[in-house]
Amino acid sequence: MPLKRATGAASGTPAPAAETVSAAAPGVYLAVALDVPLPGLFDYSHDRPVPPGVRVRVMFGRRAMVGMVWAVRDAPGVA
């Protein structure tokens, strides 16, 4: 059964504009470990640090996946 992409509140309304603006200017990059057959970690931008070891929900291609934050970085690992 495919997962549906979350759009904000349970009523299906879009996310508030404040969240959209903060996502456009990332503060940190999270190195996330995902259960996929590819080596290495995947970097995701976020507006504030998340401690390592916390599970996060991220988009990987067209699907939402649960991964674990491995590290917090100031810049992405790949240019």
C-alpha atoms as a PDB file:
ATOM      1  CA  MET A   1       0.000   0.000   0.000  1.00  0.00           C
ATOM      2  CA  PRO A   2       1.624   3.282  -1.064  1.00  0.00           C
ATOM      3  CA  LEU A   3       2.205   6.063   1.456  1.00  0.00           C
ATOM      4  CA  LYS A   4       0.554   9.413   0.937  1.00  0.00           C
ATOM      5  CA  ARG A   5       2.541  12.604   1.272  1.00  0.00           C
ATOM      6  CA  ALA A   6       1.592  14.676   4.318  1.00  0.00           C
ATOM      7  CA  THR A   7       0.385  18.204   3.518  1.00  0.00           C
ATOM      8  CA  GLY A   8       0.188  19.778   6.955  1.00  0.00           C
ATOM      9  CA  ALA A   9      -2.700  19.466   9.392  1.00  0.00           C
ATOM     10  CA  ALA A  10      -5.039  16.482   9.439  1.00  0.00           C
ATOM     11  CA  SER A  11      -7.617  18.453   7.486  1.00  0.00           C
ATOM     12  CA  GLY A  12      -5.364  18.421   4.404  1.00  0.00           C
ATOM     13  CA  THR A  13      -4.593  22.135   4.484  1.00  0.00           C
ATOM     14  CA  PRO A  14      -1.155  23.231   3.296  1.00  0.00           C
ATOM     15  CA  ALA A  15       1.626  23.859   5.795  1.00  0.00           C
ATOM     16  CA  PRO A  16       1.860  27.391   7.259  1.00  0.00           C
ATOM     17  CA  ALA A  17       3.957  29.888   5.308  1.00  0.00           C
ATOM     18  CA  ALA A  18       6.456  30.249   8.185  1.00  0.00           C
ATOM     19  CA  GLU A  19       7.500  26.585   7.804  1.00  0.00           C
ATOM     20  CA  THR A  20       7.847  26.952   4.048  1.00  0.00           C
ATOM     21  CA  VAL A  21      10.102  30.007   4.345  1.00  0.00           C
ATOM     22  CA  SER A  22      12.348  28.420   6.976  1.00  0.00           C
ATOM     23  CA  ALA A  23      12.778  25.304   4.836  1.00  0.00           C
ATOM     24  CA  ALA A  24      14.068  27.440   1.939  1.00  0.00           C
ATOM     25  CA  ALA A  25      17.042  28.688   4.001  1.00  0.00           C
ATOM     26  CA  PRO A  26      18.524  25.609   5.691  1.00  0.00           C
ATOM     27  CA  GLY A  27      20.374  26.078   8.943  1.00  0.00           C
ATOM     28  CA  VAL A  28      22.011  22.646   9.131  1.00  0.00           C
ATOM     29  CA  TYR A  29      22.324  19.437   7.178  1.00  0.00           C
ATOM     30  CA  LEU A  30      21.362  16.115   8.716  1.00  0.00           C
ATOM     31  CA  ALA A  31      23.305  13.023   7.670  1.00  0.00           C
ATOM     32  CA  VAL A  32      20.577  10.354   7.654  1.00  0.00           C
ATOM     33  CA  ALA A  33      21.046   6.581   7.466  1.00  0.00           C
ATOM     34  CA  LEU A  34      18.347   4.882   5.378  1.00  0.00           C
ATOM     35  CA  ASP A  35      17.591   1.202   4.809  1.00  0.00           C
ATOM     36  CA  VAL A  36      18.341   1.188   1.067  1.00  0.00           C
ATOM     37  CA  PRO A  37      20.806  -0.888  -0.992  1.00  0.00           C
ATOM     38  CA  LEU A  38      23.129   2.100  -1.515  1.00  0.00           C
ATOM     39  CA  PRO A  39      26.299   2.838   0.469  1.00  0.00           C
ATOM     40  CA  GLY A  40      26.699   5.929   2.619  1.00  0.00           C
ATOM     41  CA  LEU A  41      24.569   8.514   4.362  1.00  0.00           C
ATOM     42  CA  PHE A  42      22.113  10.946   2.776  1.00  0.00           C
ATOM     43  CA  ASP A  43      22.111  14.680   3.574  1.00  0.00           C
ATOM     44  CA  TYR A  44      18.861  16.546   4.229  1.00  0.00           C
ATOM     45  CA  SER A  45      18.579  20.253   5.020  1.00  0.00           C
ATOM     46  CA  HIS A  46      16.683  21.331   8.120  1.00  0.00           C
ATOM     47  CA  ASP A  47      16.099  24.629   9.888  1.00  0.00           C
ATOM     48  CA  ARG A  48      17.428  23.437  13.272  1.00  0.00           C
ATOM     49  CA  PRO A  49      19.709  20.660  14.565  1.00  0.00           C
ATOM     50  CA  VAL A  50      18.277  17.253  15.440  1.00  0.00           C
ATOM     51  CA  PRO A  51      20.323  15.109  17.849  1.00  0.00           C
ATOM     52  CA  PRO A  52      21.998  11.989  16.421  1.00  0.00           C
ATOM     53  CA  GLY A  53      20.060   8.798  17.078  1.00  0.00           C
ATOM     54  CA  VAL A  54      16.624  10.355  16.488  1.00  0.00           C
ATOM     55  CA  ARG A  55      14.373   8.725  13.892  1.00  0.00           C
ATOM     56  CA  VAL A  56      13.161  11.086  11.162  1.00  0.00           C
ATOM     57  CA  ARG A  57      10.771  10.808   8.247  1.00  0.00           C
ATOM     58  CA  VAL A  58      12.297  11.931   4.947  1.00  0.00           C
ATOM     59  CA  MET A  59      11.416  11.792   1.283  1.00  0.00           C
ATOM     60  CA  PHE A  60      13.629   9.422  -0.733  1.00  0.00           C
ATOM     61  CA  GLY A  61      12.679   9.698  -4.361  1.00  0.00           C
ATOM     62  CA  ARG A  62       8.878   9.487  -4.448  1.00  0.00           C
ATOM     63  CA  ARG A  63       8.411   7.678  -1.167  1.00  0.00           C
ATOM     64  CA  ALA A  64       8.541   8.646   2.479  1.00  0.00           C
ATOM     65  CA  MET A  65      11.003   6.646   4.552  1.00  0.00           C
ATOM     66  CA  VAL A  66      12.035   6.508   8.180  1.00  0.00           C
ATOM     67  CA  GLY A  67      15.737   6.953   8.791  1.00  0.00           C
ATOM     68  CA  MET A  68      18.065   7.713  11.668  1.00  0.00           C
ATOM     69  CA  VAL A  69      20.053  10.918  12.091  1.00  0.00           C
ATOM     70  CA  TRP A  70      23.705   9.945  12.131  1.00  0.00           C
ATOM     71  CA  ALA A  71      25.331  13.393  12.315  1.00  0.00           C
ATOM     72  CA  VAL A  72      24.600  17.125  12.088  1.00  0.00           C
ATOM     73  CA  ARG A  73      26.697  19.101   9.597  1.00  0.00           C
ATOM     74  CA  ASP A  74      27.127  22.760   8.637  1.00  0.00           C
ATOM     75  CA  ALA A  75      27.578  21.890   4.958  1.00  0.00           C
ATOM     76  CA  PRO A  76      26.440  18.922   2.852  1.00  0.00           C
ATOM     77  CA  GLY A  77      28.870  16.036   2.448  1.00  0.00           C
ATOM     78  CA  VAL A  78      28.595  16.222  -1.370  1.00  0.00           C
ATOM     79  CA  ALA A  79      28.853  19.459  -3.341  1.00  0.00           C
END
